[in-house]
Amino acid sequence: MKHSLSVGLLLLISASAGWAQRATGYAFVAPGAVTCCGRSESTLHVGVGTELRVWKGLAAGLEAGALGPNRSLSDSLGVASFDGVYHFLPDRDRKLDPFVNGGYSLMFRSGHAHLGNYGG
């Protein structure tokens, strides 16, 4: 999994450089939780992403990272996401950037799962 994640990160970095002024790159750390059967557990999702502005407020996004329980990060799953994004205020010089996104996610470790995602 470490090898796959390293290759994915390298591809994201090189893709961002190739798109020059039209692409933005970012890294994220997102705490969260999962709840099941009357019990909750804290999680951590870390990764990197890039976004290519296509037309006005429309963009295409790609993210790669890992998601796992805080108590045992060695149990993390790999996550890759491909999204469509709409920015309501597409001017890049603004500090406020409201957006909506949604798309496909792939979670993997010894097997894989196909998922959908959305956010804003």
C-alpha atoms as a PDB file:
ATOM      1  CA  MET A   1       0.000   0.000   0.000  1.00  0.00           C
ATOM      2  CA  LYS A   2       2.889   2.386   0.784  1.00  0.00           C
ATOM      3  CA  HIS A   3       4.282   1.873  -2.722  1.00  0.00           C
ATOM      4  CA  SER A   4       0.890   2.586  -4.346  1.00  0.00           C
ATOM      5  CA  LEU A   5       0.431   5.711  -2.234  1.00  0.00           C
ATOM      6  CA  SER A   6       3.932   6.965  -3.135  1.00  0.00           C
ATOM      7  CA  VAL A   7       3.285   6.458  -6.848  1.00  0.00           C
ATOM      8  CA  GLY A   8      -0.095   8.227  -6.527  1.00  0.00           C
ATOM      9  CA  LEU A   9       1.477  11.204  -4.745  1.00  0.00           C
ATOM     10  CA  LEU A  10       4.190  11.472  -7.407  1.00  0.00           C
ATOM     11  CA  LEU A  11       1.556  11.431 -10.170  1.00  0.00           C
ATOM     12  CA  LEU A  12      -0.465  14.156  -8.425  1.00  0.00           C
ATOM     13  CA  ILE A  13       2.584  16.379  -8.032  1.00  0.00           C
ATOM     14  CA  SER A  14       3.689  15.938 -11.648  1.00  0.00           C
ATOM     15  CA  ALA A  15       0.140  16.462 -12.962  1.00  0.00           C
ATOM     16  CA  SER A  16      -0.183  19.706 -11.029  1.00  0.00           C
ATOM     17  CA  ALA A  17       3.119  20.984 -12.433  1.00  0.00           C
ATOM     18  CA  GLY A  18       2.024  20.087 -15.974  1.00  0.00           C
ATOM     19  CA  TRP A  19      -1.186  22.136 -15.707  1.00  0.00           C
ATOM     20  CA  ALA A  20       0.779  25.220 -14.586  1.00  0.00           C
ATOM     21  CA  GLN A  21      -1.514  28.209 -13.881  1.00  0.00           C
ATOM     22  CA  ARG A  22      -4.820  26.372 -14.246  1.00  0.00           C
ATOM     23  CA  ALA A  23      -4.257  23.839 -11.454  1.00  0.00           C
ATOM     24  CA  THR A  24      -4.172  24.134  -7.691  1.00  0.00           C
ATOM     25  CA  GLY A  25      -2.676  21.634  -5.277  1.00  0.00           C
ATOM     26  CA  TYR A  26      -3.407  21.074  -1.615  1.00  0.00           C
ATOM     27  CA  ALA A  27      -2.790  18.788   1.354  1.00  0.00           C
ATOM     28  CA  PHE A  28      -5.335  17.986   4.048  1.00  0.00           C
ATOM     29  CA  VAL A  29      -5.732  16.460   7.501  1.00  0.00           C
ATOM     30  CA  ALA A  30      -9.345  15.712   8.410  1.00  0.00           C
ATOM     31  CA  PRO A  31     -10.376  14.331  11.788  1.00  0.00           C
ATOM     32  CA  GLY A  32     -13.669  12.460  11.844  1.00  0.00           C
ATOM     33  CA  ALA A  33     -15.591   9.593  13.383  1.00  0.00           C
ATOM     34  CA  VAL A  34     -17.441   6.432  12.427  1.00  0.00           C
ATOM     35  CA  THR A  35     -20.444   5.182  14.369  1.00  0.00           C
ATOM     36  CA  CYS A  36     -21.874   1.688  14.387  1.00  0.00           C
ATOM     37  CA  CYS A  37     -23.878  -0.425  16.776  1.00  0.00           C
ATOM     38  CA  GLY A  38     -24.071   2.256  19.500  1.00  0.00           C
ATOM     39  CA  ARG A  39     -20.309   2.874  19.486  1.00  0.00           C
ATOM     40  CA  SER A  40     -18.210   5.652  17.891  1.00  0.00           C
ATOM     41  CA  GLU A  41     -14.526   5.687  17.009  1.00  0.00           C
ATOM     42  CA  SER A  42     -12.375   8.667  15.970  1.00  0.00           C
ATOM     43  CA  THR A  43     -10.655   8.600  12.569  1.00  0.00           C
ATOM     44  CA  LEU A  44      -8.028  10.550  10.676  1.00  0.00           C
ATOM     45  CA  HIS A  45      -8.019  11.130   6.904  1.00  0.00           C
ATOM     46  CA  VAL A  46      -4.800  12.584   5.430  1.00  0.00           C
ATOM     47  CA  GLY A  47      -3.861  13.138   1.816  1.00  0.00           C
ATOM     48  CA  VAL A  48      -3.068  15.406  -1.103  1.00  0.00           C
ATOM     49  CA  GLY A  49      -5.091  16.591  -4.059  1.00  0.00           C
ATOM     50  CA  THR A  50      -5.110  18.700  -7.161  1.00  0.00           C
ATOM     51  CA  GLU A  51      -7.849  20.545  -9.008  1.00  0.00           C
ATOM     52  CA  LEU A  52      -7.956  21.624 -12.647  1.00  0.00           C
ATOM     53  CA  ARG A  53     -10.213  24.581 -13.420  1.00  0.00           C
ATOM     54  CA  VAL A  54     -12.053  23.662 -16.601  1.00  0.00           C
ATOM     55  CA  TRP A  55     -14.454  26.519 -17.347  1.00  0.00           C
ATOM     56  CA  LYS A  56     -15.621  29.429 -15.179  1.00  0.00           C
ATOM     57  CA  GLY A  57     -16.546  27.816 -11.817  1.00  0.00           C
ATOM     58  CA  LEU A  58     -16.307  24.204 -13.035  1.00  0.00           C
ATOM     59  CA  ALA A  59     -13.305  22.072 -12.089  1.00  0.00           C
ATOM     60  CA  ALA A  60     -12.128  18.455 -11.993  1.00  0.00           C
ATOM     61  CA  GLY A  61     -10.459  17.145  -8.839  1.00  0.00           C
ATOM     62  CA  LEU A  62      -8.232  14.215  -7.897  1.00  0.00           C
ATOM     63  CA  GLU A  63      -7.255  13.178  -4.340  1.00  0.00           C
ATOM     64  CA  ALA A  64      -5.176  10.367  -2.822  1.00  0.00           C
ATOM     65  CA  GLY A  65      -4.761   9.599   0.848  1.00  0.00           C
ATOM     66  CA  ALA A  66      -5.264   7.269   3.767  1.00  0.00           C
ATOM     67  CA  LEU A  67      -8.159   6.911   6.224  1.00  0.00           C
ATOM     68  CA  GLY A  68      -7.939   5.012   9.475  1.00  0.00           C
ATOM     69  CA  PRO A  69      -8.816   4.817  13.161  1.00  0.00           C
ATOM     70  CA  ASN A  70      -6.793   7.082  15.473  1.00  0.00           C
ATOM     71  CA  ARG A  71      -6.085   4.201  17.855  1.00  0.00           C
ATOM     72  CA  SER A  72      -4.330   2.185  15.121  1.00  0.00           C
ATOM     73  CA  LEU A  73      -3.246   4.143  12.030  1.00  0.00           C
ATOM     74  CA  SER A  74      -1.542   0.987  10.723  1.00  0.00           C
ATOM     75  CA  ASP A  75      -5.104  -0.246   9.981  1.00  0.00           C
ATOM     76  CA  SER A  76      -5.633   2.606   7.482  1.00  0.00           C
ATOM     77  CA  LEU A  77      -7.253   2.178   4.078  1.00  0.00           C
ATOM     78  CA  GLY A  78      -6.057   3.825   0.889  1.00  0.00           C
ATOM     79  CA  VAL A  79      -8.528   6.287  -0.666  1.00  0.00           C
ATOM     80  CA  ALA A  80      -8.515   7.727  -4.201  1.00  0.00           C
ATOM     81  CA  SER A  81     -11.241  10.151  -5.339  1.00  0.00           C
ATOM     82  CA  PHE A  82     -12.169  11.693  -8.680  1.00  0.00           C
ATOM     83  CA  ASP A  83     -14.604  14.608  -8.440  1.00  0.00           C
ATOM     84  CA  GLY A  84     -16.506  17.250 -10.317  1.00  0.00           C
ATOM     85  CA  VAL A  85     -16.411  20.617  -8.519  1.00  0.00           C
ATOM     86  CA  TYR A  86     -18.366  23.858  -8.862  1.00  0.00           C
ATOM     87  CA  HIS A  87     -16.988  27.085  -7.294  1.00  0.00           C
ATOM     88  CA  PHE A  88     -19.694  29.716  -6.745  1.00  0.00           C
ATOM     89  CA  LEU A  89     -17.101  32.543  -6.667  1.00  0.00           C
ATOM     90  CA  PRO A  90     -14.479  31.382  -9.195  1.00  0.00           C
ATOM     91  CA  ASP A  91     -12.120  34.378  -8.710  1.00  0.00           C
ATOM     92  CA  ARG A  92      -8.871  32.891  -7.318  1.00  0.00           C
ATOM     93  CA  ASP A  93      -7.947  36.041  -5.376  1.00  0.00           C
ATOM     94  CA  ARG A  94     -10.809  35.632  -2.874  1.00  0.00           C
ATOM     95  CA  LYS A  95     -10.216  34.241   0.601  1.00  0.00           C
ATOM     96  CA  LEU A  96     -13.749  32.798   0.710  1.00  0.00           C
ATOM     97  CA  ASP A  97     -14.317  29.957  -1.784  1.00  0.00           C
ATOM     98  CA  PRO A  98     -17.762  28.330  -1.428  1.00  0.00           C
ATOM     99  CA  PHE A  99     -18.054  25.170  -3.532  1.00  0.00           C
ATOM    100  CA  VAL A 100     -19.892  21.877  -3.974  1.00  0.00           C
ATOM    101  CA  ASN A 101     -18.337  18.653  -5.191  1.00  0.00           C
ATOM    102  CA  GLY A 102     -19.172  15.039  -5.800  1.00  0.00           C
ATOM    103  CA  GLY A 103     -17.808  12.007  -7.546  1.00  0.00           C
ATOM    104  CA  TYR A 104     -16.290   8.540  -7.314  1.00  0.00           C
ATOM    105  CA  SER A 105     -14.066   7.165  -4.530  1.00  0.00           C
ATOM    106  CA  LEU A 106     -12.095   3.937  -4.404  1.00  0.00           C
ATOM    107  CA  MET A 107     -11.088   2.501  -1.008  1.00  0.00           C
ATOM    108  CA  PHE A 108      -8.450  -0.207  -1.034  1.00  0.00           C
ATOM    109  CA  ARG A 109      -6.258  -2.364   1.148  1.00  0.00           C
ATOM    110  CA  SER A 110      -6.277  -6.126   0.558  1.00  0.00           C
ATOM    111  CA  GLY A 111      -9.518  -5.708  -1.430  1.00  0.00           C
ATOM    112  CA  HIS A 112     -11.388  -2.667  -2.701  1.00  0.00           C
ATOM    113  CA  ALA A 113     -14.749  -0.906  -2.506  1.00  0.00           C
ATOM    114  CA  HIS A 114     -16.381   1.475  -5.014  1.00  0.00           C
ATOM    115  CA  LEU A 115     -18.053   4.459  -3.305  1.00  0.00           C
ATOM    116  CA  GLY A 116     -19.592   7.845  -4.046  1.00  0.00           C
ATOM    117  CA  ASN A 117     -18.724  11.086  -2.301  1.00  0.00           C
ATOM    118  CA  TYR A 118     -20.090  14.617  -2.004  1.00  0.00           C
ATOM    119  CA  GLY A 119     -19.219  17.715  -0.042  1.00  0.00           C
ATOM    120  CA  GLY A 120     -18.890  21.451   0.051  1.00  0.00           C
END
